[in-house]
Amino acid sequence: MKKLVVGMLIILSILAGCGSKQDTTNDEIDFLDVDLTINPEKAKLGEEVTFSAKVTYGDEAVEDADEVKFEVWRSQSENHEEIVVKHKENGVYELKKSFSEEGTYYVYAHVTARGMHNMPKKEFVIGQPSEPETEDGSHSMKEQHSDKASSDAHNH
């Protein structure tokens, strides 16, 4: 009985030690964080839209990222524009752009710094929204069904 209690105490102290080591390790690990904002998220044709990526590593503003670029495209288009941007101030990288075609658009902020890559994505609208992309970036179900319906009509 005494050996069982001692054995359990040893196991508990080992588990407790592992837990505390794990906690201090997590405190020391920093990650590359990118806060992507779009202003305004619903703009008019020709109105300037500001894309901002606030880049931090832990509590530190990253002013020397290896690369920051914005990838912008209209929903369901295969034409993606990639624009490299420079640091503005306090870890903020910024792009100002206007659009000549209405619709639903997307932007990725591709950020590489401190040996890491982060690429948040956001949706925005210029004028009237268009058919959004599905989660995997393909065409919507409505289009897939209409294609199927037209092929079914040809088969009958």
N, C-alpha and C. Protein backbone atom coordinates (compact mmCIF):
# COMPACT_ATOMS: atom_id res chain seq x y z
N MET A 1 0.82 -1.19 0.00
CA MET A 1 0.00 0.00 0.00
C MET A 1 0.87 1.26 0.00
N LYS A 2 1.92 1.24 0.82
CA LYS A 2 2.81 2.39 0.93
C LYS A 2 3.51 2.63 -0.42
N LYS A 3 3.92 1.53 -1.10
CA LYS A 3 4.58 1.66 -2.41
C LYS A 3 3.61 2.26 -3.43
N LEU A 4 2.35 1.89 -3.35
CA LEU A 4 1.35 2.42 -4.28
C LEU A 4 1.18 3.92 -4.09
N VAL A 5 1.11 4.37 -2.85
CA VAL A 5 0.97 5.81 -2.57
C VAL A 5 2.21 6.57 -3.04
N VAL A 6 3.40 6.05 -2.76
CA VAL A 6 4.64 6.69 -3.19
C VAL A 6 4.69 6.73 -4.72
N GLY A 7 4.32 5.65 -5.36
CA GLY A 7 4.31 5.59 -6.83
C GLY A 7 3.36 6.61 -7.43
N MET A 8 2.19 6.75 -6.82
CA MET A 8 1.22 7.72 -7.32
C MET A 8 1.73 9.14 -7.11
N LEU A 9 2.38 9.41 -6.00
CA LEU A 9 2.94 10.74 -5.74
C LEU A 9 4.03 11.08 -6.76
N ILE A 10 4.85 10.10 -7.09
CA ILE A 10 5.90 10.32 -8.09
C ILE A 10 5.26 10.64 -9.45
N ILE A 11 4.27 9.88 -9.83
CA ILE A 11 3.58 10.10 -11.12
C ILE A 11 2.94 11.48 -11.14
N LEU A 12 2.27 11.85 -10.05
CA LEU A 12 1.63 13.17 -9.98
C LEU A 12 2.64 14.30 -10.08
N SER A 13 3.79 14.15 -9.41
CA SER A 13 4.80 15.21 -9.46
C SER A 13 5.41 15.33 -10.85
N ILE A 14 5.55 14.19 -11.54
CA ILE A 14 6.06 14.23 -12.92
C ILE A 14 5.05 14.93 -13.82
N LEU A 15 3.78 14.57 -13.68
CA LEU A 15 2.74 15.20 -14.50
C LEU A 15 2.64 16.69 -14.21
N ALA A 16 2.72 17.06 -12.94
CA ALA A 16 2.66 18.48 -12.56
C ALA A 16 3.86 19.22 -13.14
N GLY A 17 5.02 18.62 -13.11
CA GLY A 17 6.22 19.23 -13.67
C GLY A 17 6.10 19.43 -15.16
N CYS A 18 5.55 18.46 -15.86
CA CYS A 18 5.36 18.59 -17.31
C CYS A 18 4.40 19.71 -17.62
N GLY A 19 3.35 19.81 -16.84
CA GLY A 19 2.35 20.86 -17.06
C GLY A 19 2.96 22.23 -16.90
N SER A 20 3.77 22.45 -15.89
CA SER A 20 4.33 23.78 -15.67
C SER A 20 5.38 24.11 -16.73
N LYS A 21 6.13 23.14 -17.18
CA LYS A 21 7.10 23.38 -18.25
C LYS A 21 6.36 23.78 -19.53
N GLN A 22 5.26 23.11 -19.80
CA GLN A 22 4.49 23.38 -21.01
C GLN A 22 3.95 24.80 -20.98
N ASP A 23 3.49 25.26 -19.82
CA ASP A 23 2.95 26.61 -19.70
C ASP A 23 4.01 27.66 -19.98
N THR A 24 5.22 27.50 -19.43
CA THR A 24 6.26 28.50 -19.66
C THR A 24 6.72 28.48 -21.11
N THR A 25 6.71 27.33 -21.75
CA THR A 25 7.11 27.24 -23.15
C THR A 25 6.12 28.02 -24.02
N ASN A 26 4.82 27.86 -23.76
CA ASN A 26 3.81 28.56 -24.55
C ASN A 26 3.94 30.07 -24.40
N ASP A 27 4.32 30.55 -23.23
CA ASP A 27 4.47 31.99 -23.00
C ASP A 27 5.60 32.55 -23.85
N GLU A 28 6.60 31.76 -24.17
CA GLU A 28 7.77 32.24 -24.89
C GLU A 28 7.60 32.18 -26.41
N ILE A 29 6.58 31.50 -26.89
CA ILE A 29 6.38 31.35 -28.34
C ILE A 29 5.55 32.52 -28.84
N ASP A 30 6.09 33.25 -29.82
CA ASP A 30 5.35 34.33 -30.46
C ASP A 30 4.96 33.91 -31.85
N PHE A 31 3.87 34.48 -32.33
CA PHE A 31 3.37 34.17 -33.66
C PHE A 31 3.23 35.44 -34.47
N LEU A 32 3.31 35.29 -35.78
CA LEU A 32 3.11 36.40 -36.69
C LEU A 32 1.61 36.64 -36.81
N ASP A 33 1.17 37.82 -36.44
CA ASP A 33 -0.25 38.15 -36.49
C ASP A 33 -0.46 39.26 -37.51
N VAL A 34 -1.50 39.12 -38.33
CA VAL A 34 -1.82 40.12 -39.33
C VAL A 34 -3.29 40.51 -39.17
N ASP A 35 -3.52 41.78 -38.83
CA ASP A 35 -4.87 42.31 -38.70
C ASP A 35 -5.19 43.06 -39.98
N LEU A 36 -6.01 42.46 -40.84
CA LEU A 36 -6.35 43.02 -42.15
C LEU A 36 -7.63 43.83 -42.02
N THR A 37 -7.59 45.09 -42.45
CA THR A 37 -8.79 45.92 -42.45
C THR A 37 -8.99 46.55 -43.83
N ILE A 38 -10.26 46.79 -44.16
CA ILE A 38 -10.64 47.40 -45.43
C ILE A 38 -11.54 48.58 -45.10
N ASN A 39 -11.23 49.75 -45.66
CA ASN A 39 -12.02 50.93 -45.38
C ASN A 39 -12.27 51.72 -46.66
N PRO A 40 -13.54 51.83 -47.10
CA PRO A 40 -14.73 51.20 -46.56
C PRO A 40 -14.89 49.78 -47.11
N GLU A 41 -15.65 48.95 -46.40
CA GLU A 41 -15.89 47.57 -46.86
C GLU A 41 -16.94 47.53 -47.95
N LYS A 42 -17.73 48.61 -48.08
CA LYS A 42 -18.69 48.74 -49.18
C LYS A 42 -18.46 50.12 -49.79
N ALA A 43 -17.86 50.13 -50.98
CA ALA A 43 -17.48 51.38 -51.63
C ALA A 43 -18.26 51.57 -52.93
N LYS A 44 -18.21 52.79 -53.44
CA LYS A 44 -18.83 53.11 -54.72
C LYS A 44 -17.79 52.95 -55.82
N LEU A 45 -18.25 52.83 -57.06
CA LEU A 45 -17.34 52.78 -58.20
C LEU A 45 -16.44 54.00 -58.17
N GLY A 46 -15.14 53.81 -58.39
CA GLY A 46 -14.19 54.90 -58.43
C GLY A 46 -13.77 55.44 -57.07
N GLU A 47 -14.42 55.02 -56.00
CA GLU A 47 -14.06 55.48 -54.65
C GLU A 47 -12.80 54.75 -54.18
N GLU A 48 -11.91 55.48 -53.53
CA GLU A 48 -10.67 54.89 -53.06
C GLU A 48 -10.92 53.99 -51.84
N VAL A 49 -10.37 52.79 -51.89
CA VAL A 49 -10.47 51.82 -50.80
C VAL A 49 -9.08 51.66 -50.20
N THR A 50 -8.99 51.68 -48.86
CA THR A 50 -7.71 51.52 -48.19
C THR A 50 -7.64 50.13 -47.56
N PHE A 51 -6.61 49.39 -47.94
CA PHE A 51 -6.34 48.07 -47.38
C PHE A 51 -5.16 48.25 -46.42
N SER A 52 -5.33 47.81 -45.16
CA SER A 52 -4.27 47.94 -44.17
C SER A 52 -4.00 46.60 -43.52
N ALA A 53 -2.73 46.27 -43.39
CA ALA A 53 -2.31 45.06 -42.68
C ALA A 53 -1.43 45.50 -41.52
N LYS A 54 -1.94 45.34 -40.30
CA LYS A 54 -1.17 45.66 -39.09
C LYS A 54 -0.45 44.37 -38.72
N VAL A 55 0.88 44.37 -38.83
CA VAL A 55 1.68 43.15 -38.64
C VAL A 55 2.40 43.24 -37.30
N THR A 56 2.18 42.20 -36.47
CA THR A 56 2.86 42.12 -35.18
C THR A 56 3.43 40.74 -34.98
N TYR A 57 4.47 40.69 -34.18
CA TYR A 57 5.10 39.43 -33.77
C TYR A 57 5.16 39.50 -32.25
N GLY A 58 4.24 38.79 -31.59
CA GLY A 58 4.09 38.96 -30.15
C GLY A 58 3.56 40.36 -29.91
N ASP A 59 4.24 41.14 -29.08
CA ASP A 59 3.85 42.52 -28.80
C ASP A 59 4.58 43.52 -29.69
N GLU A 60 5.46 43.03 -30.55
CA GLU A 60 6.33 43.91 -31.36
C GLU A 60 5.71 44.18 -32.73
N ALA A 61 5.64 45.46 -33.11
CA ALA A 61 5.20 45.84 -34.45
C ALA A 61 6.31 45.45 -35.43
N VAL A 62 5.94 44.78 -36.51
CA VAL A 62 6.93 44.33 -37.50
C VAL A 62 7.05 45.40 -38.58
N GLU A 63 8.19 46.09 -38.59
CA GLU A 63 8.43 47.16 -39.55
C GLU A 63 9.37 46.72 -40.67
N ASP A 64 9.86 45.48 -40.60
CA ASP A 64 10.84 44.99 -41.56
C ASP A 64 10.45 43.62 -42.13
N ALA A 65 9.18 43.46 -42.48
CA ALA A 65 8.71 42.19 -43.03
C ALA A 65 9.49 41.86 -44.31
N ASP A 66 9.71 40.58 -44.54
CA ASP A 66 10.40 40.15 -45.76
C ASP A 66 9.58 40.51 -46.99
N GLU A 67 8.24 40.31 -46.90
CA GLU A 67 7.37 40.67 -48.02
C GLU A 67 5.95 40.86 -47.51
N VAL A 68 5.30 41.90 -48.01
CA VAL A 68 3.87 42.12 -47.77
C VAL A 68 3.27 42.47 -49.12
N LYS A 69 2.27 41.68 -49.53
CA LYS A 69 1.58 42.00 -50.77
C LYS A 69 0.09 41.71 -50.61
N PHE A 70 -0.70 42.50 -51.31
CA PHE A 70 -2.14 42.30 -51.33
C PHE A 70 -2.52 41.65 -52.65
N GLU A 71 -3.28 40.57 -52.55
CA GLU A 71 -3.80 39.88 -53.73
C GLU A 71 -5.29 40.22 -53.80
N VAL A 72 -5.71 40.89 -54.88
CA VAL A 72 -7.07 41.39 -55.00
C VAL A 72 -7.71 40.82 -56.26
N TRP A 73 -8.97 40.40 -56.14
CA TRP A 73 -9.68 39.91 -57.33
C TRP A 73 -11.19 40.04 -57.14
N ARG A 74 -11.88 40.14 -58.29
CA ARG A 74 -13.34 40.15 -58.30
C ARG A 74 -13.82 38.71 -58.18
N SER A 75 -14.89 38.51 -57.47
CA SER A 75 -15.44 37.17 -57.27
C SER A 75 -15.58 36.42 -58.59
N GLN A 76 -15.16 35.19 -58.59
CA GLN A 76 -15.27 34.25 -59.70
C GLN A 76 -14.39 34.61 -60.90
N SER A 77 -13.45 35.53 -60.69
CA SER A 77 -12.52 35.89 -61.75
C SER A 77 -11.21 35.14 -61.55
N GLU A 78 -10.58 34.77 -62.63
CA GLU A 78 -9.29 34.11 -62.52
C GLU A 78 -8.15 35.12 -62.56
N ASN A 79 -8.48 36.40 -62.79
CA ASN A 79 -7.49 37.46 -62.87
C ASN A 79 -7.27 38.03 -61.46
N HIS A 80 -6.19 37.62 -60.82
CA HIS A 80 -5.83 38.10 -59.49
C HIS A 80 -4.67 39.08 -59.61
N GLU A 81 -4.85 40.28 -59.05
CA GLU A 81 -3.79 41.28 -59.08
C GLU A 81 -3.01 41.21 -57.77
N GLU A 82 -1.68 41.13 -57.86
CA GLU A 82 -0.84 41.09 -56.66
C GLU A 82 -0.01 42.37 -56.61
N ILE A 83 -0.12 43.09 -55.49
CA ILE A 83 0.55 44.38 -55.35
C ILE A 83 1.42 44.35 -54.09
N VAL A 84 2.73 44.49 -54.28
CA VAL A 84 3.67 44.53 -53.15
C VAL A 84 3.60 45.91 -52.52
N VAL A 85 3.53 45.94 -51.18
CA VAL A 85 3.45 47.22 -50.47
C VAL A 85 4.59 47.35 -49.47
N LYS A 86 4.91 48.58 -49.16
CA LYS A 86 6.00 48.89 -48.22
C LYS A 86 5.42 49.27 -46.86
N HIS A 87 6.27 49.24 -45.86
CA HIS A 87 5.89 49.63 -44.51
C HIS A 87 5.54 51.11 -44.46
N LYS A 88 4.42 51.44 -43.81
CA LYS A 88 4.02 52.83 -43.66
C LYS A 88 4.51 53.36 -42.32
N GLU A 89 3.98 52.79 -41.20
CA GLU A 89 4.42 53.18 -39.86
C GLU A 89 3.84 52.21 -38.84
N ASN A 90 4.55 52.03 -37.75
CA ASN A 90 4.08 51.21 -36.61
C ASN A 90 3.58 49.83 -37.01
N GLY A 91 4.24 49.18 -37.95
CA GLY A 91 3.85 47.83 -38.35
C GLY A 91 2.69 47.78 -39.32
N VAL A 92 2.27 48.94 -39.85
CA VAL A 92 1.14 48.99 -40.78
C VAL A 92 1.66 49.08 -42.21
N TYR A 93 1.14 48.19 -43.06
CA TYR A 93 1.43 48.17 -44.48
C TYR A 93 0.11 48.50 -45.18
N GLU A 94 0.15 49.41 -46.16
CA GLU A 94 -1.10 49.94 -46.67
C GLU A 94 -1.11 50.06 -48.19
N LEU A 95 -2.32 49.87 -48.75
CA LEU A 95 -2.54 50.03 -50.19
C LEU A 95 -3.83 50.81 -50.37
N LYS A 96 -3.81 51.80 -51.26
CA LYS A 96 -5.02 52.54 -51.63
C LYS A 96 -5.31 52.22 -53.09
N LYS A 97 -6.57 51.86 -53.36
CA LYS A 97 -6.93 51.42 -54.72
C LYS A 97 -8.40 51.73 -54.98
N SER A 98 -8.71 52.09 -56.22
CA SER A 98 -10.11 52.27 -56.60
C SER A 98 -10.45 51.23 -57.68
N PHE A 99 -11.74 51.01 -57.88
CA PHE A 99 -12.20 49.94 -58.77
C PHE A 99 -13.18 50.50 -59.79
N SER A 100 -13.12 49.97 -61.02
CA SER A 100 -13.98 50.46 -62.10
C SER A 100 -15.09 49.47 -62.46
N GLU A 101 -15.17 48.37 -61.72
CA GLU A 101 -16.23 47.38 -61.98
C GLU A 101 -16.91 47.01 -60.68
N GLU A 102 -18.25 47.04 -60.70
CA GLU A 102 -19.01 46.68 -59.50
C GLU A 102 -18.88 45.19 -59.22
N GLY A 103 -19.13 44.82 -57.97
CA GLY A 103 -19.17 43.40 -57.63
C GLY A 103 -18.61 43.11 -56.26
N THR A 104 -18.62 41.83 -55.95
CA THR A 104 -18.04 41.32 -54.71
C THR A 104 -16.58 41.01 -55.00
N TYR A 105 -15.70 41.47 -54.13
CA TYR A 105 -14.26 41.29 -54.29
C TYR A 105 -13.67 40.61 -53.06
N TYR A 106 -12.45 40.13 -53.22
CA TYR A 106 -11.71 39.51 -52.13
C TYR A 106 -10.29 40.04 -52.11
N VAL A 107 -9.70 40.00 -50.91
CA VAL A 107 -8.30 40.40 -50.79
C VAL A 107 -7.62 39.45 -49.81
N TYR A 108 -6.43 39.00 -50.19
CA TYR A 108 -5.52 38.29 -49.28
C TYR A 108 -4.41 39.26 -48.94
N ALA A 109 -4.01 39.31 -47.69
CA ALA A 109 -2.78 40.00 -47.31
C ALA A 109 -1.74 38.92 -47.10
N HIS A 110 -0.80 38.79 -48.02
CA HIS A 110 0.28 37.80 -47.90
C HIS A 110 1.43 38.46 -47.14
N VAL A 111 1.73 37.96 -45.95
CA VAL A 111 2.78 38.55 -45.13
C VAL A 111 3.80 37.49 -44.76
N THR A 112 5.07 37.76 -45.09
CA THR A 112 6.17 36.87 -44.71
C THR A 112 7.13 37.68 -43.84
N ALA A 113 7.34 37.18 -42.61
CA ALA A 113 8.26 37.85 -41.68
C ALA A 113 8.62 36.87 -40.58
N ARG A 114 9.82 37.01 -40.03
CA ARG A 114 10.29 36.19 -38.91
C ARG A 114 10.21 34.69 -39.21
N GLY A 115 10.41 34.34 -40.49
CA GLY A 115 10.39 32.94 -40.89
C GLY A 115 8.99 32.34 -40.93
N MET A 116 7.97 33.18 -40.90
CA MET A 116 6.58 32.70 -40.92
C MET A 116 5.82 33.39 -42.04
N HIS A 117 4.66 32.78 -42.41
CA HIS A 117 3.79 33.37 -43.43
C HIS A 117 2.37 33.35 -42.89
N ASN A 118 1.66 34.46 -43.06
CA ASN A 118 0.27 34.56 -42.63
C ASN A 118 -0.48 35.24 -43.76
N MET A 119 -1.68 34.73 -44.09
CA MET A 119 -2.41 35.30 -45.21
C MET A 119 -3.92 35.37 -44.94
N PRO A 120 -4.33 36.37 -44.14
CA PRO A 120 -5.77 36.52 -43.90
C PRO A 120 -6.49 36.98 -45.17
N LYS A 121 -7.77 36.62 -45.27
CA LYS A 121 -8.59 36.94 -46.44
C LYS A 121 -9.84 37.65 -45.98
N LYS A 122 -10.27 38.65 -46.75
CA LYS A 122 -11.52 39.36 -46.45
C LYS A 122 -12.28 39.63 -47.74
N GLU A 123 -13.59 39.80 -47.58
CA GLU A 123 -14.49 40.11 -48.69
C GLU A 123 -14.89 41.58 -48.58
N PHE A 124 -15.07 42.24 -49.73
CA PHE A 124 -15.59 43.60 -49.75
C PHE A 124 -16.41 43.79 -51.02
N VAL A 125 -17.19 44.87 -51.06
CA VAL A 125 -18.12 45.07 -52.17
C VAL A 125 -17.91 46.46 -52.77
N ILE A 126 -17.91 46.51 -54.10
CA ILE A 126 -17.87 47.76 -54.84
C ILE A 126 -19.22 47.88 -55.54
N GLY A 127 -19.97 48.95 -55.24
CA GLY A 127 -21.29 49.14 -55.84
C GLY A 127 -22.23 48.02 -55.45
N GLN A 128 -22.82 47.36 -56.46
CA GLN A 128 -23.74 46.25 -56.21
C GLN A 128 -22.95 44.95 -56.09
N PRO A 129 -23.26 44.11 -55.08
CA PRO A 129 -22.53 42.84 -54.94
C PRO A 129 -22.82 41.90 -56.10
N SER A 130 -21.87 41.05 -56.40
CA SER A 130 -22.05 40.00 -57.40
C SER A 130 -22.08 38.66 -56.68
N GLU A 131 -22.26 37.59 -57.43
CA GLU A 131 -22.30 36.25 -56.85
C GLU A 131 -20.99 35.96 -56.12
N PRO A 132 -21.05 35.67 -54.80
CA PRO A 132 -19.81 35.38 -54.07
C PRO A 132 -19.26 34.00 -54.43
N GLU A 133 -17.99 33.81 -54.12
CA GLU A 133 -17.37 32.50 -54.32
C GLU A 133 -17.76 31.59 -53.17
N THR A 134 -17.67 30.29 -53.39
CA THR A 134 -17.90 29.35 -52.31
C THR A 134 -16.64 29.29 -51.45
N GLU A 135 -16.70 28.59 -50.33
CA GLU A 135 -15.56 28.51 -49.41
C GLU A 135 -14.28 28.03 -50.08
N ASP A 136 -14.39 27.12 -51.05
CA ASP A 136 -13.18 26.59 -51.70
C ASP A 136 -12.74 27.44 -52.89
N GLY A 137 -13.43 28.58 -53.11
CA GLY A 137 -13.03 29.48 -54.19
C GLY A 137 -13.61 29.14 -55.54
N SER A 138 -14.45 28.09 -55.61
CA SER A 138 -15.04 27.72 -56.89
C SER A 138 -16.33 28.48 -57.11
N HIS A 139 -16.96 28.25 -58.25
CA HIS A 139 -18.20 28.93 -58.56
C HIS A 139 -19.32 28.46 -57.65
N SER A 140 -20.36 29.24 -57.57
CA SER A 140 -21.45 28.95 -56.63
C SER A 140 -22.26 27.73 -57.08
N MET A 141 -23.04 27.21 -56.15
CA MET A 141 -23.90 26.06 -56.44
C MET A 141 -24.94 26.43 -57.49
N LYS A 142 -25.42 27.67 -57.46
CA LYS A 142 -26.44 28.10 -58.41
C LYS A 142 -25.91 27.93 -59.84
N GLU A 143 -24.68 28.35 -60.08
CA GLU A 143 -24.09 28.20 -61.41
C GLU A 143 -23.90 26.74 -61.77
N GLN A 144 -23.48 25.93 -60.81
CA GLN A 144 -23.27 24.52 -61.09
C GLN A 144 -24.60 23.85 -61.45
N HIS A 145 -25.67 24.23 -60.73
CA HIS A 145 -26.97 23.65 -61.03
C HIS A 145 -27.47 24.11 -62.39
N SER A 146 -27.24 25.39 -62.74
CA SER A 146 -27.72 25.87 -64.04
C SER A 146 -26.96 25.18 -65.17
N ASP A 147 -25.67 24.90 -64.97
CA ASP A 147 -24.91 24.17 -65.98
C ASP A 147 -25.47 22.76 -66.14
N LYS A 148 -25.78 22.12 -65.02
CA LYS A 148 -26.31 20.76 -65.03
C LYS A 148 -27.69 20.76 -65.69
N ALA A 149 -28.52 21.76 -65.34
CA ALA A 149 -29.88 21.83 -65.90
C ALA A 149 -29.81 22.00 -67.41
N SER A 150 -28.90 22.82 -67.91
CA SER A 150 -28.82 23.02 -69.36
C SER A 150 -28.30 21.74 -70.04
N SER A 151 -27.40 21.00 -69.40
CA SER A 151 -26.92 19.76 -70.02
C SER A 151 -28.01 18.69 -69.97
N ASP A 152 -28.83 18.70 -68.88
CA ASP A 152 -29.94 17.74 -68.80
C ASP A 152 -30.95 18.04 -69.91
N ALA A 153 -31.18 19.33 -70.18
CA ALA A 153 -32.17 19.70 -71.20
C ALA A 153 -31.71 19.22 -72.58
N HIS A 154 -30.41 19.25 -72.81
CA HIS A 154 -29.88 18.79 -74.10
C HIS A 154 -29.99 17.27 -74.24
N ASN A 155 -30.01 16.54 -73.13
CA ASN A 155 -30.05 15.09 -73.17
C ASN A 155 -31.47 14.56 -73.40
N HIS A 156 -32.52 15.38 -73.23
CA HIS A 156 -33.89 14.88 -73.35
C HIS A 156 -34.47 15.13 -74.70
